[in-house]
Amino acid sequence: MLTAAPASAQNMLAGTWQISTETGPGGTLTLMVDGMTLTGTLTVTGGGRRGGGGVRGPQTMQISDGTIEGNSFTFTVTLSFGGNDFPLMYSGTYEGDTIEGTLEGGRGGGRPFRGTRTE
């Protein structure tokens, strides 16, 4: 019989995380958990690519469609840049003070991300 992860295990995902990708800006991910629902914000710190393009300065995006199942999670944020909106879909797993997974959307897809808990 399959059961959902205990509330205490799900709440381990709640908190503040510093995340990074191999390409693109890093950011601060603030997560809140309510049962199997994940909410919060992602603030990208800017940087982007050299020679133009990329996010300039910090941008805070609200998490939507966030879910948790066991130690897996998914959520979407929408990046606004140059008058356009780009949905970014994150999916991954967490264990202790580490998260990792895949970022889909924007330019390219299937980019890995990693994060560590800061609070």
Protein backbone atom coordinates (compact mmCIF):
# COMPACT_ATOMS: atom_id res chain seq x y z
CA MET A 1 0.00 0.00 0.00
CA LEU A 2 1.41 3.42 -1.00
CA THR A 3 1.06 6.31 1.38
CA ALA A 4 1.98 9.97 1.20
CA ALA A 5 5.11 11.10 3.01
CA PRO A 6 4.46 12.18 6.61
CA ALA A 7 3.82 15.89 7.04
CA SER A 8 7.11 16.30 8.92
CA ALA A 9 9.06 14.88 5.94
CA GLN A 10 7.23 17.18 3.51
CA ASN A 11 7.87 20.19 5.73
CA MET A 12 11.61 19.50 5.42
CA LEU A 13 11.38 21.13 1.98
CA ALA A 14 10.07 24.38 3.50
CA GLY A 15 12.70 27.07 3.90
CA THR A 16 15.16 29.14 1.90
CA TRP A 17 17.47 27.58 -0.67
CA GLN A 18 20.30 29.01 -2.77
CA ILE A 19 20.07 27.41 -6.22
CA SER A 20 22.34 27.46 -9.24
CA THR A 21 22.38 26.19 -12.81
CA GLU A 22 25.30 25.62 -15.16
CA THR A 23 23.94 28.34 -17.46
CA GLY A 24 21.87 31.35 -16.55
CA PRO A 25 21.36 33.19 -13.30
CA GLY A 26 21.26 31.63 -9.87
CA GLY A 27 18.68 32.52 -7.31
CA THR A 28 17.08 32.30 -3.92
CA LEU A 29 14.17 29.90 -3.61
CA THR A 30 11.80 30.40 -0.68
CA LEU A 31 9.41 27.48 -0.22
CA MET A 32 6.32 26.98 1.92
CA VAL A 33 4.52 23.67 2.29
CA ASP A 34 0.84 23.10 3.01
CA GLY A 35 0.06 19.40 2.82
CA MET A 36 1.00 18.34 -0.71
CA THR A 37 1.02 21.93 -2.04
CA LEU A 38 4.20 23.91 -2.57
CA THR A 39 4.15 27.73 -2.75
CA GLY A 40 6.70 30.51 -2.43
CA THR A 41 8.99 32.64 -4.55
CA LEU A 42 12.09 32.39 -6.70
CA THR A 43 14.28 35.50 -6.88
CA VAL A 44 16.83 35.32 -9.70
CA THR A 45 19.92 37.37 -9.05
CA GLY A 46 20.61 38.42 -12.63
CA GLY A 47 23.72 38.04 -14.68
CA GLY A 48 22.60 35.99 -17.62
CA ARG A 49 24.83 35.64 -20.67
CA ARG A 50 27.63 37.94 -21.70
CA GLY A 51 27.10 40.12 -24.74
CA GLY A 52 23.45 40.92 -24.03
CA GLY A 53 20.53 38.71 -23.22
CA GLY A 54 19.87 37.29 -19.80
CA VAL A 55 18.09 38.72 -16.79
CA ARG A 56 19.24 42.13 -15.57
CA GLY A 57 19.10 42.62 -11.82
CA PRO A 58 16.92 40.71 -9.39
CA GLN A 59 13.44 39.51 -10.39
CA THR A 60 11.06 37.79 -7.96
CA MET A 61 8.60 35.29 -9.38
CA GLN A 62 5.71 33.56 -7.62
CA ILE A 63 5.63 29.76 -7.63
CA SER A 64 2.54 28.23 -9.22
CA ASP A 65 1.38 24.64 -9.68
CA GLY A 66 3.70 23.46 -6.89
CA THR A 67 3.29 19.90 -5.66
CA ILE A 68 5.14 17.46 -3.41
CA GLU A 69 5.02 13.68 -3.51
CA GLY A 70 7.38 11.83 -1.20
CA ASN A 71 10.74 13.54 -1.61
CA SER A 72 9.91 14.79 -5.15
CA PHE A 73 8.63 18.23 -6.04
CA THR A 74 7.53 20.25 -9.07
CA PHE A 75 6.66 23.90 -9.58
CA THR A 76 6.46 26.58 -12.26
CA VAL A 77 7.57 30.22 -12.26
CA THR A 78 7.16 32.78 -15.04
CA LEU A 79 10.19 34.87 -16.02
CA SER A 80 9.41 38.22 -17.67
CA PHE A 81 12.10 39.56 -19.96
CA GLY A 82 12.04 41.95 -22.92
CA GLY A 83 8.25 42.22 -22.82
CA ASN A 84 7.83 38.44 -23.02
CA ASP A 85 6.88 35.82 -20.42
CA PHE A 86 8.73 32.52 -20.21
CA PRO A 87 7.34 29.70 -18.05
CA LEU A 88 10.09 27.76 -16.29
CA MET A 89 9.22 24.33 -14.91
CA TYR A 90 11.32 22.90 -12.09
CA SER A 91 11.20 19.27 -10.98
CA GLY A 92 13.49 17.53 -8.58
CA THR A 93 14.11 15.79 -5.29
CA TYR A 94 15.28 16.85 -1.87
CA GLU A 95 17.22 15.14 0.87
CA GLY A 96 18.33 16.90 4.02
CA ASP A 97 19.80 20.28 3.07
CA THR A 98 20.21 19.52 -0.65
CA ILE A 99 17.86 19.79 -3.62
CA GLU A 100 18.56 18.91 -7.24
CA GLY A 101 16.63 18.44 -10.41
CA THR A 102 15.87 19.70 -13.89
CA LEU A 103 14.75 23.07 -15.21
CA GLU A 104 12.64 23.02 -18.40
CA GLY A 105 11.61 26.03 -20.47
CA GLY A 106 13.06 29.37 -21.44
CA ARG A 107 16.01 28.91 -23.78
CA GLY A 108 16.75 25.24 -24.04
CA GLY A 109 15.54 22.59 -21.69
CA GLY A 110 16.63 19.86 -19.41
CA ARG A 111 19.16 22.01 -17.57
CA PRO A 112 20.23 20.62 -14.20
CA PHE A 113 19.97 22.73 -11.06
CA ARG A 114 21.26 22.21 -7.52
CA GLY A 115 20.59 23.96 -4.27
CA THR A 116 21.52 24.08 -0.63
CA ARG A 117 19.44 25.22 2.31
CA THR A 118 20.37 28.61 3.75
CA GLU A 119 17.57 28.80 6.35
